[in-house]
Amino acid sequence: MGTPVQYKLEVFEGPLDLLLHLIEKNEIDIYNIPISEITDQYMQYLATMQELQLDVTSEFLVMAATLLSIKSKMLLPKPPAVDLDGLGEEEEADPRMELVQKLLEYRKYKEIAEHLREKEIDRSLIYMREADDLTAYAGKITENPLKGIHLSDLAMAFQRVLHRSARRNRVARIHKDTISVKERILQLVDLLEESGGQMLFSRMFDEDADREMIVVTFLAILELVKMRKVICHQEGLFDEIVIRMREEGPLFDDETDVETDY
């Protein structure tokens, strides 16, 4: 018995890949493809695939039909040029140009893919060390004193207290001495301590609290939040806002610890 013949057939990603290979192999100008020669070589490749009982996908057959159509158009005699209204003779479009544009576009993406493949190979030669656990060096995450509460929630609570104060029927108005924000802060601290460390925002006002007292109280609460002495939270949407002392210890040792001076 004779030695069996072994065939080695290159595998192409598609018909454009095969055409580009034939053009480069024959050193053909892609803008001036000898369509008859390329078509014959393309058909020989398909015939070899069929002889080896390889699957010939539909896209290869569609390209074969396209090449045969272009070849037939190139072989037909060109009709005489027509002069339309004295504008000059209109040249017939080259039937190869659509295929040329597809080949140029495919070659561009193929070169980009090859460049990325080389980058991937270079990157695979680099060994990356696993990230260390830096938790021990991370700073302490400070709790947001207004977590879950938007500024609009405080503003709405402030407006409710003002409206409630305006609706009261007053027979007489007693003018109290002006109280500073600093003094009101100390009063609120006493109220919180007496209430077990927390109380509702609305309970921080007396029944006869006027607009001035309400504004000063609101500013005092904001200062306490800013100094990180209290935390505001709200159980649910439109619920009462709760003011709660932090658990670090007493808010202030004496009046001199209050930083506010107005």
C-alpha atoms as a PDB file:
ATOM      1  CA  MET A   1       0.000   0.000   0.000  1.00  0.00           C
ATOM      2  CA  GLY A   2       1.198   3.477  -0.790  1.00  0.00           C
ATOM      3  CA  THR A   3       1.698   6.176   1.815  1.00  0.00           C
ATOM      4  CA  PRO A   4      -1.608   8.023   2.411  1.00  0.00           C
ATOM      5  CA  VAL A   5      -1.657  11.626   1.243  1.00  0.00           C
ATOM      6  CA  GLN A   6      -2.178  14.131   4.054  1.00  0.00           C
ATOM      7  CA  TYR A   7      -3.881  17.408   3.309  1.00  0.00           C
ATOM      8  CA  LYS A   8      -3.333  20.518   5.370  1.00  0.00           C
ATOM      9  CA  LEU A   9      -5.975  23.173   4.757  1.00  0.00           C
ATOM     10  CA  GLU A  10      -5.776  26.550   6.431  1.00  0.00           C
ATOM     11  CA  VAL A  11      -8.789  27.563   8.470  1.00  0.00           C
ATOM     12  CA  PHE A  12     -10.266  30.990   7.779  1.00  0.00           C
ATOM     13  CA  GLU A  13     -12.700  32.928   9.934  1.00  0.00           C
ATOM     14  CA  GLY A  14     -14.899  33.769   6.969  1.00  0.00           C
ATOM     15  CA  PRO A  15     -14.996  34.458   3.225  1.00  0.00           C
ATOM     16  CA  LEU A  16     -13.436  37.920   3.623  1.00  0.00           C
ATOM     17  CA  ASP A  17     -10.563  36.363   5.558  1.00  0.00           C
ATOM     18  CA  LEU A  18     -10.014  33.877   2.727  1.00  0.00           C
ATOM     19  CA  LEU A  19     -10.158  36.585   0.034  1.00  0.00           C
ATOM     20  CA  LEU A  20      -7.711  38.772   1.946  1.00  0.00           C
ATOM     21  CA  HIS A  21      -5.359  35.798   2.246  1.00  0.00           C
ATOM     22  CA  LEU A  22      -5.501  35.167  -1.521  1.00  0.00           C
ATOM     23  CA  ILE A  23      -4.861  38.835  -2.279  1.00  0.00           C
ATOM     24  CA  GLU A  24      -1.858  39.033   0.053  1.00  0.00           C
ATOM     25  CA  LYS A  25      -0.492  35.673  -1.119  1.00  0.00           C
ATOM     26  CA  ASN A  26      -0.543  36.784  -4.761  1.00  0.00           C
ATOM     27  CA  GLU A  27       0.662  40.319  -3.883  1.00  0.00           C
ATOM     28  CA  ILE A  28      -2.345  41.861  -5.579  1.00  0.00           C
ATOM     29  CA  ASP A  29      -3.313  45.525  -5.371  1.00  0.00           C
ATOM     30  CA  ILE A  30      -6.521  45.478  -3.361  1.00  0.00           C
ATOM     31  CA  TYR A  31      -7.831  48.473  -5.361  1.00  0.00           C
ATOM     32  CA  ASN A  32      -7.348  46.622  -8.666  1.00  0.00           C
ATOM     33  CA  ILE A  33      -8.311  43.006  -8.019  1.00  0.00           C
ATOM     34  CA  PRO A  34      -8.079  40.622 -11.004  1.00  0.00           C
ATOM     35  CA  ILE A  35     -11.510  39.265 -10.243  1.00  0.00           C
ATOM     36  CA  SER A  36     -11.287  36.322 -12.647  1.00  0.00           C
ATOM     37  CA  GLU A  37      -8.079  34.992 -11.071  1.00  0.00           C
ATOM     38  CA  ILE A  38      -9.274  35.501  -7.503  1.00  0.00           C
ATOM     39  CA  THR A  39     -12.630  33.883  -8.263  1.00  0.00           C
ATOM     40  CA  ASP A  40     -10.943  30.791  -9.715  1.00  0.00           C
ATOM     41  CA  GLN A  41      -8.678  30.413  -6.657  1.00  0.00           C
ATOM     42  CA  TYR A  42     -11.623  30.942  -4.319  1.00  0.00           C
ATOM     43  CA  MET A  43     -13.668  28.254  -6.071  1.00  0.00           C
ATOM     44  CA  GLN A  44     -10.686  25.858  -5.926  1.00  0.00           C
ATOM     45  CA  TYR A  45     -10.532  26.343  -2.169  1.00  0.00           C
ATOM     46  CA  LEU A  46     -14.249  25.565  -1.797  1.00  0.00           C
ATOM     47  CA  ALA A  47     -13.812  22.466  -3.958  1.00  0.00           C
ATOM     48  CA  THR A  48     -10.948  21.289  -1.734  1.00  0.00           C
ATOM     49  CA  MET A  49     -13.138  21.765   1.338  1.00  0.00           C
ATOM     50  CA  GLN A  50     -15.857  19.641  -0.229  1.00  0.00           C
ATOM     51  CA  GLU A  51     -13.360  16.926  -1.185  1.00  0.00           C
ATOM     52  CA  LEU A  52     -12.182  16.734   2.414  1.00  0.00           C
ATOM     53  CA  GLN A  53     -15.835  16.600   3.520  1.00  0.00           C
ATOM     54  CA  LEU A  54     -15.539  19.808   5.489  1.00  0.00           C
ATOM     55  CA  ASP A  55     -18.601  21.895   6.262  1.00  0.00           C
ATOM     56  CA  VAL A  56     -18.911  24.793   3.837  1.00  0.00           C
ATOM     57  CA  THR A  57     -20.961  27.441   5.607  1.00  0.00           C
ATOM     58  CA  SER A  58     -23.535  29.501   3.766  1.00  0.00           C
ATOM     59  CA  GLU A  59     -21.470  32.696   3.995  1.00  0.00           C
ATOM     60  CA  PHE A  60     -18.713  31.088   1.865  1.00  0.00           C
ATOM     61  CA  LEU A  61     -21.328  30.095  -0.724  1.00  0.00           C
ATOM     62  CA  VAL A  62     -22.822  33.612  -0.737  1.00  0.00           C
ATOM     63  CA  MET A  63     -19.370  35.064  -1.392  1.00  0.00           C
ATOM     64  CA  ALA A  64     -18.826  32.568  -4.200  1.00  0.00           C
ATOM     65  CA  ALA A  65     -22.050  33.729  -5.852  1.00  0.00           C
ATOM     66  CA  THR A  66     -20.972  37.362  -5.392  1.00  0.00           C
ATOM     67  CA  LEU A  67     -17.592  36.730  -7.027  1.00  0.00           C
ATOM     68  CA  LEU A  68     -19.190  34.932  -9.969  1.00  0.00           C
ATOM     69  CA  SER A  69     -21.626  37.821 -10.398  1.00  0.00           C
ATOM     70  CA  ILE A  70     -18.799  40.378 -10.387  1.00  0.00           C
ATOM     71  CA  LYS A  71     -16.774  38.212 -12.776  1.00  0.00           C
ATOM     72  CA  SER A  72     -19.667  38.004 -15.220  1.00  0.00           C
ATOM     73  CA  LYS A  73     -20.157  41.788 -15.109  1.00  0.00           C
ATOM     74  CA  MET A  74     -16.440  42.328 -15.768  1.00  0.00           C
ATOM     75  CA  LEU A  75     -16.529  39.995 -18.785  1.00  0.00           C
ATOM     76  CA  LEU A  76     -19.570  41.638 -20.392  1.00  0.00           C
ATOM     77  CA  PRO A  77     -18.793  44.429 -22.855  1.00  0.00           C
ATOM     78  CA  LYS A  78     -19.351  47.871 -21.415  1.00  0.00           C
ATOM     79  CA  PRO A  79     -22.217  49.842 -22.924  1.00  0.00           C
ATOM     80  CA  PRO A  80     -21.309  53.100 -24.673  1.00  0.00           C
ATOM     81  CA  ALA A  81     -21.054  56.108 -22.378  1.00  0.00           C
ATOM     82  CA  VAL A  82     -24.093  58.393 -22.384  1.00  0.00           C
ATOM     83  CA  ASP A  83     -23.865  62.185 -22.397  1.00  0.00           C
ATOM     84  CA  LEU A  84     -26.739  63.477 -20.242  1.00  0.00           C
ATOM     85  CA  ASP A  85     -27.724  67.003 -21.267  1.00  0.00           C
ATOM     86  CA  GLY A  86     -24.189  67.972 -22.104  1.00  0.00           C
ATOM     87  CA  LEU A  87     -22.942  67.298 -18.570  1.00  0.00           C
ATOM     88  CA  GLY A  88     -20.259  64.920 -19.736  1.00  0.00           C
ATOM     89  CA  GLU A  89     -20.144  61.193 -20.164  1.00  0.00           C
ATOM     90  CA  GLU A  90     -21.306  59.198 -17.155  1.00  0.00           C
ATOM     91  CA  GLU A  91     -18.875  56.447 -16.220  1.00  0.00           C
ATOM     92  CA  GLU A  92     -20.288  53.087 -15.144  1.00  0.00           C
ATOM     93  CA  ALA A  93     -19.500  52.112 -11.536  1.00  0.00           C
ATOM     94  CA  ASP A  94     -16.824  49.466 -11.062  1.00  0.00           C
ATOM     95  CA  PRO A  95     -18.631  46.292  -9.860  1.00  0.00           C
ATOM     96  CA  ARG A  96     -15.628  45.441  -7.676  1.00  0.00           C
ATOM     97  CA  MET A  97     -15.771  48.587  -5.508  1.00  0.00           C
ATOM     98  CA  GLU A  98     -18.339  47.324  -2.989  1.00  0.00           C
ATOM     99  CA  LEU A  99     -16.220  44.203  -2.387  1.00  0.00           C
ATOM    100  CA  VAL A 100     -13.064  46.335  -2.113  1.00  0.00           C
ATOM    101  CA  GLN A 101     -14.652  48.489   0.585  1.00  0.00           C
ATOM    102  CA  LYS A 102     -15.637  45.400   2.588  1.00  0.00           C
ATOM    103  CA  LEU A 103     -12.106  43.998   2.297  1.00  0.00           C
ATOM    104  CA  LEU A 104     -10.536  47.289   3.437  1.00  0.00           C
ATOM    105  CA  GLU A 105     -12.847  47.451   6.422  1.00  0.00           C
ATOM    106  CA  TYR A 106     -12.164  43.822   7.334  1.00  0.00           C
ATOM    107  CA  ARG A 107      -8.389  44.290   7.025  1.00  0.00           C
ATOM    108  CA  LYS A 108      -8.526  47.275   9.363  1.00  0.00           C
ATOM    109  CA  TYR A 109     -10.358  45.335  12.099  1.00  0.00           C
ATOM    110  CA  LYS A 110      -8.106  42.297  11.567  1.00  0.00           C
ATOM    111  CA  GLU A 111      -4.995  44.444  12.143  1.00  0.00           C
ATOM    112  CA  ILE A 112      -6.548  45.923  15.299  1.00  0.00           C
ATOM    113  CA  ALA A 113      -7.421  42.428  16.574  1.00  0.00           C
ATOM    114  CA  GLU A 114      -3.851  41.268  15.920  1.00  0.00           C
ATOM    115  CA  HIS A 115      -2.484  44.284  17.812  1.00  0.00           C
ATOM    116  CA  LEU A 116      -4.738  43.533  20.788  1.00  0.00           C
ATOM    117  CA  ARG A 117      -3.698  39.875  20.681  1.00  0.00           C
ATOM    118  CA  GLU A 118      -0.037  40.895  20.943  1.00  0.00           C
ATOM    119  CA  LYS A 119      -0.864  43.144  23.878  1.00  0.00           C
ATOM    120  CA  GLU A 120      -2.679  40.248  25.549  1.00  0.00           C
ATOM    121  CA  ILE A 121       0.384  38.012  25.142  1.00  0.00           C
ATOM    122  CA  ASP A 122       2.662  40.699  26.606  1.00  0.00           C
ATOM    123  CA  ARG A 123       0.276  41.189  29.524  1.00  0.00           C
ATOM    124  CA  SER A 124       0.127  37.448  30.235  1.00  0.00           C
ATOM    125  CA  LEU A 125       3.870  37.482  30.944  1.00  0.00           C
ATOM    126  CA  ILE A 126       3.361  39.836  33.900  1.00  0.00           C
ATOM    127  CA  TYR A 127       2.543  38.244  37.250  1.00  0.00           C
ATOM    128  CA  MET A 128       0.418  40.393  39.555  1.00  0.00           C
ATOM    129  CA  ARG A 129       0.737  40.077  43.272  1.00  0.00           C
ATOM    130  CA  GLU A 130      -2.512  39.581  45.143  1.00  0.00           C
ATOM    131  CA  ALA A 131      -3.787  42.624  47.009  1.00  0.00           C
ATOM    132  CA  ASP A 132      -2.876  42.788  50.705  1.00  0.00           C
ATOM    133  CA  ASP A 133      -5.487  43.219  53.398  1.00  0.00           C
ATOM    134  CA  LEU A 134      -5.166  46.882  54.421  1.00  0.00           C
ATOM    135  CA  THR A 135      -8.085  46.856  56.828  1.00  0.00           C
ATOM    136  CA  ALA A 136      -5.780  47.407  59.794  1.00  0.00           C
ATOM    137  CA  TYR A 137      -4.537  50.650  58.258  1.00  0.00           C
ATOM    138  CA  ALA A 138      -7.940  52.006  57.292  1.00  0.00           C
ATOM    139  CA  GLY A 139      -9.179  54.976  59.236  1.00  0.00           C
ATOM    140  CA  LYS A 140     -12.196  54.791  61.479  1.00  0.00           C
ATOM    141  CA  ILE A 141     -15.369  55.336  59.502  1.00  0.00           C
ATOM    142  CA  THR A 142     -17.271  58.164  61.138  1.00  0.00           C
ATOM    143  CA  GLU A 143     -20.989  57.625  61.458  1.00  0.00           C
ATOM    144  CA  ASN A 144     -23.114  60.162  59.635  1.00  0.00           C
ATOM    145  CA  PRO A 145     -25.112  62.010  62.343  1.00  0.00           C
ATOM    146  CA  LEU A 146     -27.904  62.707  59.829  1.00  0.00           C
ATOM    147  CA  LYS A 147     -28.014  59.233  58.297  1.00  0.00           C
ATOM    148  CA  GLY A 148     -31.448  58.541  56.844  1.00  0.00           C
ATOM    149  CA  ILE A 149     -32.621  62.144  57.254  1.00  0.00           C
ATOM    150  CA  HIS A 150     -32.640  64.735  54.510  1.00  0.00           C
ATOM    151  CA  LEU A 151     -32.391  68.447  55.160  1.00  0.00           C
ATOM    152  CA  SER A 152     -35.948  68.784  53.858  1.00  0.00           C
ATOM    153  CA  ASP A 153     -37.164  66.530  56.719  1.00  0.00           C
ATOM    154  CA  LEU A 154     -35.763  68.932  59.302  1.00  0.00           C
ATOM    155  CA  ALA A 155     -37.182  71.894  57.404  1.00  0.00           C
ATOM    156  CA  MET A 156     -40.630  70.287  57.305  1.00  0.00           C
ATOM    157  CA  ALA A 157     -40.505  69.576  61.035  1.00  0.00           C
ATOM    158  CA  PHE A 158     -39.481  73.191  61.615  1.00  0.00           C
ATOM    159  CA  GLN A 159     -42.398  74.418  59.488  1.00  0.00           C
ATOM    160  CA  ARG A 160     -44.884  72.231  61.386  1.00  0.00           C
ATOM    161  CA  VAL A 161     -43.801  73.738  64.691  1.00  0.00           C
ATOM    162  CA  LEU A 162     -44.113  77.268  63.263  1.00  0.00           C
ATOM    163  CA  HIS A 163     -47.590  76.573  61.889  1.00  0.00           C
ATOM    164  CA  ARG A 164     -48.726  75.064  65.168  1.00  0.00           C
ATOM    165  CA  SER A 165     -47.453  78.117  66.986  1.00  0.00           C
ATOM    166  CA  ALA A 166     -49.235  80.494  64.584  1.00  0.00           C
ATOM    167  CA  ARG A 167     -52.604  78.724  65.007  1.00  0.00           C
ATOM    168  CA  ARG A 168     -52.737  79.255  68.766  1.00  0.00           C
ATOM    169  CA  ASN A 169     -55.233  81.830  70.071  1.00  0.00           C
ATOM    170  CA  ARG A 170     -53.318  84.122  72.342  1.00  0.00           C
ATOM    171  CA  VAL A 171     -54.968  86.561  74.697  1.00  0.00           C
ATOM    172  CA  ALA A 172     -51.750  88.258  75.664  1.00  0.00           C
ATOM    173  CA  ARG A 173     -48.141  88.075  74.563  1.00  0.00           C
ATOM    174  CA  ILE A 174     -45.363  87.984  77.096  1.00  0.00           C
ATOM    175  CA  HIS A 175     -42.004  89.082  75.802  1.00  0.00           C
ATOM    176  CA  LYS A 176     -39.204  87.008  77.229  1.00  0.00           C
ATOM    177  CA  ASP A 177     -35.593  87.985  77.413  1.00  0.00           C
ATOM    178  CA  THR A 178     -33.636  87.151  74.260  1.00  0.00           C
ATOM    179  CA  ILE A 179     -31.916  83.780  74.536  1.00  0.00           C
ATOM    180  CA  SER A 180     -28.728  82.955  72.638  1.00  0.00           C
ATOM    181  CA  VAL A 181     -28.089  79.808  70.666  1.00  0.00           C
ATOM    182  CA  LYS A 182     -25.369  78.857  73.144  1.00  0.00           C
ATOM    183  CA  GLU A 183     -27.782  79.083  76.063  1.00  0.00           C
ATOM    184  CA  ARG A 184     -30.417  77.132  74.165  1.00  0.00           C
ATOM    185  CA  ILE A 185     -27.858  74.393  73.440  1.00  0.00           C
ATOM    186  CA  LEU A 186     -27.247  73.935  77.163  1.00  0.00           C
ATOM    187  CA  GLN A 187     -31.011  73.869  77.793  1.00  0.00           C
ATOM    188  CA  LEU A 188     -31.479  71.179  75.140  1.00  0.00           C
ATOM    189  CA  VAL A 189     -28.663  69.139  76.667  1.00  0.00           C
ATOM    190  CA  ASP A 190     -30.468  69.242  80.026  1.00  0.00           C
ATOM    191  CA  LEU A 191     -33.742  68.206  78.333  1.00  0.00           C
ATOM    192  CA  LEU A 192     -32.055  65.261  76.622  1.00  0.00           C
ATOM    193  CA  GLU A 193     -30.394  64.088  79.826  1.00  0.00           C
ATOM    194  CA  GLU A 194     -33.705  64.327  81.701  1.00  0.00           C
ATOM    195  CA  SER A 195     -35.445  62.360  78.938  1.00  0.00           C
ATOM    196  CA  GLY A 196     -33.000  59.471  79.037  1.00  0.00           C
ATOM    197  CA  GLY A 197     -30.799  60.646  76.173  1.00  0.00           C
ATOM    198  CA  GLN A 198     -33.394  61.094  73.431  1.00  0.00           C
ATOM    199  CA  MET A 199     -36.623  62.920  72.697  1.00  0.00           C
ATOM    200  CA  LEU A 200     -38.875  63.934  69.844  1.00  0.00           C
ATOM    201  CA  PHE A 201     -38.052  67.097  67.940  1.00  0.00           C
ATOM    202  CA  SER A 202     -41.536  68.511  68.582  1.00  0.00           C
ATOM    203  CA  ARG A 203     -41.219  67.972  72.371  1.00  0.00           C
ATOM    204  CA  MET A 204     -38.317  70.419  72.550  1.00  0.00           C
ATOM    205  CA  PHE A 205     -40.749  73.365  72.376  1.00  0.00           C
ATOM    206  CA  ASP A 206     -43.076  74.684  75.031  1.00  0.00           C
ATOM    207  CA  GLU A 207     -46.720  75.196  74.229  1.00  0.00           C
ATOM    208  CA  ASP A 208     -46.232  78.977  74.260  1.00  0.00           C
ATOM    209  CA  ALA A 209     -42.966  79.009  72.287  1.00  0.00           C
ATOM    210  CA  ASP A 210     -42.852  81.980  69.931  1.00  0.00           C
ATOM    211  CA  ARG A 211     -41.149  82.259  66.556  1.00  0.00           C
ATOM    212  CA  GLU A 212     -37.897  83.494  68.051  1.00  0.00           C
ATOM    213  CA  MET A 213     -37.653  80.537  70.429  1.00  0.00           C
ATOM    214  CA  ILE A 214     -38.459  78.093  67.624  1.00  0.00           C
ATOM    215  CA  VAL A 215     -35.747  79.547  65.364  1.00  0.00           C
ATOM    216  CA  VAL A 216     -33.143  79.566  68.153  1.00  0.00           C
ATOM    217  CA  THR A 217     -34.017  75.966  69.061  1.00  0.00           C
ATOM    218  CA  PHE A 218     -33.697  74.853  65.449  1.00  0.00           C
ATOM    219  CA  LEU A 219     -30.272  76.522  65.175  1.00  0.00           C
ATOM    220  CA  ALA A 220     -29.181  74.947  68.460  1.00  0.00           C
ATOM    221  CA  ILE A 221     -30.080  71.476  67.188  1.00  0.00           C
ATOM    222  CA  LEU A 222     -28.128  72.067  63.979  1.00  0.00           C
ATOM    223  CA  GLU A 223     -25.111  73.211  66.026  1.00  0.00           C
ATOM    224  CA  LEU A 224     -25.302  70.077  68.183  1.00  0.00           C
ATOM    225  CA  VAL A 225     -25.378  67.937  65.047  1.00  0.00           C
ATOM    226  CA  LYS A 226     -22.458  69.893  63.587  1.00  0.00           C
ATOM    227  CA  MET A 227     -20.446  69.373  66.805  1.00  0.00           C
ATOM    228  CA  ARG A 228     -21.308  65.643  66.586  1.00  0.00           C
ATOM    229  CA  LYS A 229     -22.971  65.673  69.978  1.00  0.00           C
ATOM    230  CA  VAL A 230     -26.382  64.351  68.877  1.00  0.00           C
ATOM    231  CA  ILE A 231     -27.809  62.144  66.146  1.00  0.00           C
ATOM    232  CA  CYS A 232     -31.105  62.682  64.315  1.00  0.00           C
ATOM    233  CA  HIS A 233     -33.048  59.736  62.965  1.00  0.00           C
ATOM    234  CA  GLN A 234     -36.498  58.996  61.603  1.00  0.00           C
ATOM    235  CA  GLU A 235     -38.203  55.609  61.875  1.00  0.00           C
ATOM    236  CA  GLY A 236     -40.305  55.999  58.723  1.00  0.00           C
ATOM    237  CA  LEU A 237     -41.440  58.442  56.085  1.00  0.00           C
ATOM    238  CA  PHE A 238     -43.186  61.486  57.639  1.00  0.00           C
ATOM    239  CA  ASP A 239     -42.597  60.130  61.168  1.00  0.00           C
ATOM    240  CA  GLU A 240     -41.439  62.339  64.002  1.00  0.00           C
ATOM    241  CA  ILE A 241     -37.718  63.143  63.996  1.00  0.00           C
ATOM    242  CA  VAL A 242     -35.924  61.814  67.086  1.00  0.00           C
ATOM    243  CA  ILE A 243     -32.946  63.642  68.599  1.00  0.00           C
ATOM    244  CA  ARG A 244     -30.606  61.231  70.396  1.00  0.00           C
ATOM    245  CA  MET A 245     -27.440  61.868  72.394  1.00  0.00           C
ATOM    246  CA  ARG A 246     -24.312  60.069  71.298  1.00  0.00           C
ATOM    247  CA  GLU A 247     -23.072  57.271  73.539  1.00  0.00           C
ATOM    248  CA  GLU A 248     -19.534  58.611  73.961  1.00  0.00           C
ATOM    249  CA  GLY A 249     -20.371  60.208  77.321  1.00  0.00           C
ATOM    250  CA  PRO A 250     -21.692  63.554  78.599  1.00  0.00           C
ATOM    251  CA  LEU A 251     -22.195  66.187  75.912  1.00  0.00           C
ATOM    252  CA  PHE A 252     -20.442  69.019  77.766  1.00  0.00           C
ATOM    253  CA  ASP A 253     -18.645  69.241  81.113  1.00  0.00           C
ATOM    254  CA  ASP A 254     -19.501  72.910  81.553  1.00  0.00           C
ATOM    255  CA  GLU A 255     -20.618  75.961  79.593  1.00  0.00           C
ATOM    256  CA  THR A 256     -17.099  76.705  78.345  1.00  0.00           C
ATOM    257  CA  ASP A 257     -17.105  73.521  76.231  1.00  0.00           C
ATOM    258  CA  VAL A 258     -19.776  74.953  73.924  1.00  0.00           C
ATOM    259  CA  GLU A 259     -17.989  76.355  70.908  1.00  0.00           C
ATOM    260  CA  THR A 260     -20.884  78.467  69.632  1.00  0.00           C
ATOM    261  CA  ASP A 261     -20.604  82.176  70.545  1.00  0.00           C
ATOM    262  CA  TYR A 262     -23.923  83.591  69.344  1.00  0.00           C
END
